[in-house]
Amino acid sequence: MSAATEPVPCRPPAAARTRRPRRTPVRVAVIGMVAALCATATSGGARAIVNGHDAAGPYPFMVSIPMTYVYGSERIEGVCGGSLIARDWVVTAAHCAEETATSHPAGTVRVGSERRHSGGTVRTIVEKVVHPGYDGREGRSHDDIALLRLDRPVPQQPIEIAARAPRVGADTRILGFGALADVQTAEDWVLSERLQELDTRSAAPTVCLGLKAADELCTTSREPGAMACYGDSGGPQIQRTGGRWRLVGATSGDGDHAVDPKCGDGPGIWTSVPAYRAWLDATMHGGPAVRKGTGGPPGAF
């Protein structure tokens, strides 16, 4: 997830708090993860769900996006989340879609599985469209939203986008494959193989630092010491209305990074997907000519 205020310094050792990639077995992530951070940290920080629990599901719209992070000669495995909103389109965070020297999507997605490395449907990403307002070079950028087009439709049922953002105090839920423990040292990051969920609540915009109230959601946990963390970026925040889950947010950043760098403490920031419905519809249905030139900051792709 992205940190909601100041950019994280792009140096290895320990305390970076931005959205983080995911890590494999033991050591493979140590310094390389920080590189991932650098690529994502500037936009705020990807997170994984700390103190969540195994998803009760099913969530056929849940998407895992393998990420590649580069540090020197090392290539590190990471992850972002996403939501299937059409049979061949996934919405995620902009900082999960952009191509940088140290971070980029690995090229495929897995749709509809509660496991990060098995099950569901695997498809190839053939197009990435980052919102034109996003600029990861400026610290945590607003407009942290992007679309991924898949090579062919999947059988899973897409999730419907909510008509509006949840009201303050409304119950929501977040999903992700991100970090399970609230640690600040790269070598200790461990991402979840099993999809995690956490019940959350929509909070007043003033609870989060650096929030753009019209386009972003401030969210708090209903459980102490629990929140999205590194590796959860781009994943869904959902709300149950009319007996079904609807998509309200895409994981973006930490809501109080400037005062507390821990994932599990304090609020988080999600991009409000309903606020971008017009852009999403125009992008998906406008064709390549319409989408041309909307791929994020210069040099991102």
Protein backbone atom coordinates (compact mmCIF):
# COMPACT_ATOMS: atom_id res chain seq x y z
CA MET A 1 0.00 0.00 0.00
CA SER A 2 1.25 3.45 -0.39
CA ALA A 3 2.17 5.65 2.44
CA ALA A 4 -0.20 8.54 2.68
CA THR A 5 2.20 11.32 3.30
CA GLU A 6 5.94 11.60 2.96
CA PRO A 7 7.90 9.52 0.46
CA VAL A 8 9.95 6.66 1.82
CA PRO A 9 13.71 6.90 1.34
CA CYS A 10 14.87 4.38 -1.25
CA ARG A 11 17.61 2.69 0.73
CA PRO A 12 18.00 -0.84 1.95
CA PRO A 13 18.00 -1.64 5.58
CA ALA A 14 14.95 -1.26 7.45
CA ALA A 15 12.40 1.22 8.02
CA ALA A 16 10.61 1.88 4.84
CA ARG A 17 6.90 2.18 4.96
CA THR A 18 5.25 2.08 1.65
CA ARG A 19 3.46 -0.46 -0.14
CA ARG A 20 5.58 -3.46 -0.22
CA PRO A 21 5.93 -6.35 -2.49
CA ARG A 22 5.63 -9.74 -1.37
CA ARG A 23 8.23 -12.10 -0.44
CA THR A 24 9.00 -15.72 -0.99
CA PRO A 25 10.61 -18.06 1.43
CA VAL A 26 13.18 -16.71 3.70
CA ARG A 27 15.80 -14.48 2.51
CA VAL A 28 14.98 -13.81 -1.06
CA ALA A 29 13.32 -10.59 -0.13
CA VAL A 30 15.62 -8.80 2.15
CA ILE A 31 17.24 -6.01 0.23
CA GLY A 32 15.31 -6.59 -2.91
CA MET A 33 12.12 -5.81 -1.12
CA VAL A 34 13.42 -2.41 -0.38
CA ALA A 35 13.99 -1.90 -4.04
CA ALA A 36 10.38 -2.75 -4.45
CA LEU A 37 9.59 -0.24 -1.91
CA CYS A 38 11.50 2.36 -3.77
CA ALA A 39 9.44 1.74 -6.82
CA THR A 40 6.26 1.74 -4.85
CA ALA A 41 7.24 3.72 -1.87
CA THR A 42 7.15 6.94 -3.71
CA SER A 43 3.46 6.51 -4.11
CA GLY A 44 2.88 5.65 -0.54
CA GLY A 45 3.34 2.01 0.15
CA ALA A 46 1.70 -1.24 -0.54
CA ARG A 47 0.53 -3.28 2.32
CA ALA A 48 -0.52 -6.72 3.33
CA ILE A 49 -3.16 -7.52 5.86
CA VAL A 50 -1.65 -7.65 9.32
CA ASN A 51 -3.74 -9.58 11.87
CA GLY A 52 -6.41 -10.48 9.36
CA HIS A 53 -7.61 -14.08 8.93
CA ASP A 54 -8.00 -16.64 6.16
CA ALA A 55 -10.69 -15.52 3.73
CA ALA A 56 -14.04 -17.24 4.13
CA GLY A 57 -14.83 -16.43 0.48
CA PRO A 58 -15.57 -17.20 -2.16
CA TYR A 59 -14.30 -14.03 -3.85
CA PRO A 60 -14.24 -14.88 -7.57
CA PHE A 61 -13.34 -11.29 -8.43
CA MET A 62 -10.13 -11.30 -6.35
CA VAL A 63 -6.97 -10.96 -8.44
CA SER A 64 -3.34 -11.49 -7.46
CA ILE A 65 -0.73 -9.70 -9.59
CA PRO A 66 2.80 -11.14 -9.39
CA MET A 67 5.35 -8.34 -9.22
CA THR A 68 9.06 -8.31 -10.00
CA TYR A 69 11.39 -6.13 -7.95
CA VAL A 70 15.00 -5.53 -8.91
CA TYR A 71 17.87 -4.70 -6.60
CA GLY A 72 21.25 -4.82 -8.27
CA SER A 73 21.48 -8.26 -9.88
CA GLU A 74 18.72 -9.71 -7.68
CA ARG A 75 15.16 -10.15 -8.92
CA ILE A 76 12.64 -10.48 -6.11
CA GLU A 77 9.14 -11.93 -6.19
CA GLY A 78 6.39 -9.63 -4.94
CA VAL A 79 2.63 -9.24 -5.25
CA CYS A 80 -0.15 -6.69 -5.65
CA GLY A 81 -3.91 -7.15 -5.56
CA GLY A 82 -6.64 -6.25 -7.99
CA SER A 83 -10.36 -6.64 -8.69
CA LEU A 84 -12.01 -8.15 -11.76
CA ILE A 85 -14.54 -5.57 -12.98
CA ALA A 86 -15.12 -7.07 -16.46
CA ARG A 87 -14.28 -10.49 -17.85
CA ASP A 88 -11.03 -9.16 -19.32
CA TRP A 89 -10.30 -6.06 -17.19
CA VAL A 90 -8.74 -5.71 -13.72
CA VAL A 91 -8.64 -2.53 -11.65
CA THR A 92 -5.63 -2.04 -9.36
CA ALA A 93 -3.41 0.71 -7.94
CA ALA A 94 -1.40 2.80 -10.38
CA HIS A 95 1.77 2.04 -8.47
CA CYS A 96 1.17 -1.68 -9.16
CA ALA A 97 0.86 -1.13 -12.92
CA GLU A 98 3.65 1.27 -13.76
CA GLU A 99 6.99 0.09 -15.13
CA THR A 100 10.06 1.43 -13.35
CA ALA A 101 13.70 0.43 -13.19
CA THR A 102 13.10 -1.36 -9.89
CA SER A 103 9.50 -2.56 -10.08
CA HIS A 104 7.01 -3.87 -12.63
CA PRO A 105 4.18 -6.40 -12.99
CA ALA A 106 5.59 -9.81 -13.92
CA GLY A 107 3.12 -10.11 -16.80
CA THR A 108 0.29 -12.37 -15.62
CA VAL A 109 -2.57 -12.33 -13.13
CA ARG A 110 -4.38 -15.07 -11.20
CA VAL A 111 -8.14 -14.57 -10.90
CA GLY A 112 -10.54 -16.07 -8.38
CA SER A 113 -8.20 -18.13 -6.22
CA GLU A 114 -7.73 -18.11 -2.47
CA ARG A 115 -4.13 -19.20 -3.10
CA ARG A 116 -1.41 -16.94 -4.44
CA HIS A 117 0.40 -19.60 -6.46
CA SER A 118 -2.33 -22.04 -7.49
CA GLY A 119 -5.98 -22.33 -8.50
CA GLY A 120 -8.21 -19.86 -10.27
CA THR A 121 -7.54 -18.69 -13.82
CA VAL A 122 -4.20 -17.34 -15.05
CA ARG A 123 -4.18 -14.75 -17.82
CA THR A 124 -1.54 -12.59 -19.52
CA ILE A 125 -1.60 -8.80 -19.20
CA VAL A 126 -1.69 -7.29 -22.68
CA GLU A 127 -2.31 -3.65 -21.80
CA LYS A 128 -1.75 -1.41 -18.78
CA VAL A 129 -3.50 1.95 -18.47
CA VAL A 130 -2.47 4.18 -15.57
CA HIS A 131 -4.68 7.14 -14.69
CA PRO A 132 -3.20 10.26 -16.36
CA GLY A 133 -3.30 12.18 -13.08
CA TYR A 134 -0.99 9.76 -11.28
CA ASP A 135 2.66 10.71 -10.86
CA GLY A 136 4.70 8.35 -8.68
CA ARG A 137 7.70 10.66 -8.84
CA GLU A 138 6.14 13.21 -6.53
CA GLY A 139 5.87 11.14 -3.34
CA ARG A 140 2.45 9.66 -2.62
CA SER A 141 0.41 10.58 -5.65
CA HIS A 142 -3.35 10.85 -5.80
CA ASP A 143 -5.23 9.23 -8.72
CA ASP A 144 -3.62 5.95 -7.67
CA ILE A 145 -5.66 3.75 -9.98
CA ALA A 146 -4.99 1.74 -13.14
CA LEU A 147 -6.54 -0.85 -15.44
CA LEU A 148 -5.01 -4.07 -16.75
CA ARG A 149 -6.46 -5.66 -19.89
CA LEU A 150 -6.20 -9.45 -20.11
CA ASP A 151 -5.43 -11.45 -23.23
CA ARG A 152 -8.85 -13.13 -23.12
CA PRO A 153 -11.92 -13.23 -20.87
CA VAL A 154 -12.01 -15.33 -17.70
CA PRO A 155 -14.96 -17.46 -16.48
CA GLN A 156 -15.09 -15.80 -13.06
CA GLN A 157 -17.87 -13.33 -12.26
CA PRO A 158 -16.69 -9.70 -12.06
CA ILE A 159 -17.62 -7.58 -9.07
CA GLU A 160 -19.99 -4.67 -9.53
CA ILE A 161 -18.67 -1.22 -8.67
CA ALA A 162 -20.72 0.46 -5.94
CA ALA A 163 -22.85 3.42 -6.96
CA ARG A 164 -21.16 5.62 -4.36
CA ALA A 165 -18.49 5.61 -1.69
CA PRO A 166 -19.53 4.16 1.69
CA ARG A 167 -20.82 6.62 4.25
CA VAL A 168 -18.71 7.32 7.33
CA GLY A 169 -19.15 4.49 9.82
CA ALA A 170 -20.26 1.93 7.23
CA ASP A 171 -18.91 -1.61 7.53
CA THR A 172 -16.55 -2.75 4.77
CA ARG A 173 -14.04 -5.54 4.19
CA ILE A 174 -10.55 -5.64 2.70
CA LEU A 175 -8.78 -8.54 0.96
CA GLY A 176 -5.13 -9.21 0.18
CA PHE A 177 -2.13 -11.52 -0.06
CA GLY A 178 0.24 -9.05 1.60
CA ALA A 179 2.46 -9.15 4.66
CA LEU A 180 1.16 -11.02 7.66
CA ALA A 181 3.38 -9.42 10.30
CA ASP A 182 3.92 -5.76 11.11
CA VAL A 183 7.68 -5.62 10.70
CA GLN A 184 9.90 -2.82 9.47
CA THR A 185 12.94 -4.83 8.38
CA ALA A 186 12.94 -6.15 4.84
CA GLU A 187 14.39 -9.54 5.72
CA ASP A 188 11.45 -10.18 8.04
CA TRP A 189 8.71 -9.54 5.51
CA VAL A 190 6.57 -12.62 4.89
CA LEU A 191 3.67 -12.49 2.44
CA SER A 192 0.62 -14.70 2.70
CA GLU A 193 0.10 -17.69 0.43
CA ARG A 194 -3.56 -17.80 1.51
CA LEU A 195 -5.93 -14.91 0.83
CA GLN A 196 -6.57 -12.82 3.93
CA GLU A 197 -9.61 -10.72 4.84
CA LEU A 198 -10.27 -8.09 7.48
CA ASP A 199 -13.48 -6.35 8.51
CA THR A 200 -13.06 -2.59 8.40
CA ARG A 201 -15.05 0.60 8.73
CA SER A 202 -15.23 3.78 6.66
CA ALA A 203 -13.79 6.72 8.62
CA ALA A 204 -14.04 10.48 8.33
CA PRO A 205 -11.55 11.98 5.84
CA THR A 206 -9.87 13.94 8.65
CA VAL A 207 -8.72 10.68 10.30
CA CYS A 208 -6.20 10.12 7.48
CA LEU A 209 -3.29 12.40 6.66
CA GLY A 210 -2.95 13.78 3.13
CA LEU A 211 -6.28 12.40 1.96
CA LYS A 212 -8.10 13.78 -1.09
CA ALA A 213 -11.63 13.41 0.20
CA ALA A 214 -13.39 13.48 -3.17
CA ASP A 215 -11.42 10.57 -4.60
CA GLU A 216 -10.04 8.58 -1.66
CA LEU A 217 -11.40 6.61 1.28
CA CYS A 218 -10.09 6.70 4.83
CA THR A 219 -10.53 3.31 6.47
CA THR A 220 -10.02 1.95 9.98
CA SER A 221 -9.96 -1.60 11.28
CA ARG A 222 -12.65 -3.09 13.48
CA GLU A 223 -9.90 -5.11 15.19
CA PRO A 224 -6.98 -3.64 17.14
CA GLY A 225 -3.56 -3.78 15.51
CA ALA A 226 -4.91 -4.90 12.14
CA MET A 227 -4.77 -3.20 8.75
CA ALA A 228 -3.58 -3.67 5.17
CA CYS A 229 0.19 -3.74 4.65
CA TYR A 230 3.01 -4.37 2.18
CA GLY A 231 1.81 -6.46 -0.78
CA ASP A 232 -1.90 -5.60 -0.42
CA SER A 233 -1.71 -2.60 -2.76
CA GLY A 234 -4.36 -2.46 -5.45
CA GLY A 235 -6.56 -5.04 -3.73
CA PRO A 236 -10.27 -4.59 -3.09
CA GLN A 237 -12.20 -2.90 -0.35
CA ILE A 238 -15.77 -4.19 -0.59
CA GLN A 239 -19.13 -3.36 0.96
CA ARG A 240 -22.14 -5.65 1.25
CA THR A 241 -25.27 -3.96 -0.06
CA GLY A 242 -28.45 -5.54 -1.35
CA GLY A 243 -27.17 -8.97 -0.35
CA ARG A 244 -24.01 -8.87 -2.48
CA TRP A 245 -20.49 -7.54 -2.34
CA ARG A 246 -19.75 -4.38 -4.30
CA LEU A 247 -16.39 -2.75 -4.92
CA VAL A 248 -15.71 0.56 -3.18
CA GLY A 249 -11.93 0.87 -3.01
CA ALA A 250 -8.47 -0.11 -4.28
CA THR A 251 -5.73 -0.30 -1.63
CA SER A 252 -3.43 2.71 -1.96
CA GLY A 253 -1.52 3.77 1.15
CA ASP A 254 -0.92 4.25 4.85
CA GLY A 255 -3.18 6.81 6.48
CA ASP A 256 -0.77 8.03 9.16
CA HIS A 257 2.70 7.19 7.88
CA ALA A 258 4.13 10.55 8.95
CA VAL A 259 3.46 9.84 12.62
CA ASP A 260 3.46 6.03 12.80
CA PRO A 261 5.26 3.83 10.24
CA LYS A 262 3.61 0.58 11.36
CA CYS A 263 1.02 -1.06 9.12
CA GLY A 264 -1.23 -2.41 11.84
CA ASP A 265 -1.61 0.82 13.75
CA GLY A 266 -3.87 3.56 12.46
CA PRO A 267 -5.94 4.06 9.31
CA GLY A 268 -5.31 3.28 5.67
CA ILE A 269 -6.11 5.03 2.39
CA TRP A 270 -7.98 3.44 -0.51
CA THR A 271 -8.66 4.97 -3.91
CA SER A 272 -12.44 5.39 -4.24
CA VAL A 273 -13.35 3.25 -7.24
CA PRO A 274 -16.85 4.77 -7.60
CA ALA A 275 -15.22 8.19 -7.97
CA TYR A 276 -13.40 6.95 -11.08
CA ARG A 277 -16.27 5.08 -12.71
CA ALA A 278 -16.47 7.48 -15.68
CA TRP A 279 -12.74 7.11 -16.38
CA LEU A 280 -12.90 3.34 -16.00
CA ASP A 281 -15.86 3.03 -18.39
CA ALA A 282 -14.29 5.35 -20.96
CA THR A 283 -11.00 3.45 -20.80
CA MET A 284 -12.49 -0.03 -21.10
CA HIS A 285 -14.92 0.85 -23.87
CA GLY A 286 -13.03 3.56 -25.73
CA GLY A 287 -10.59 1.35 -27.65
CA PRO A 288 -6.80 1.70 -28.03
CA ALA A 289 -7.03 5.07 -29.78
CA VAL A 290 -8.85 6.58 -26.81
CA ARG A 291 -6.50 4.97 -24.29
CA LYS A 292 -3.33 6.04 -26.09
CA GLY A 293 -1.31 8.52 -24.06
CA THR A 294 -3.14 7.86 -20.80
CA GLY A 295 -0.52 5.54 -19.37
CA GLY A 296 0.74 7.59 -16.44
CA PRO A 297 3.74 9.87 -16.04
CA PRO A 298 6.29 10.29 -18.84
CA GLY A 299 8.63 7.33 -18.99
CA ALA A 300 6.42 5.10 -16.84
CA PHE A 301 6.05 2.54 -19.65
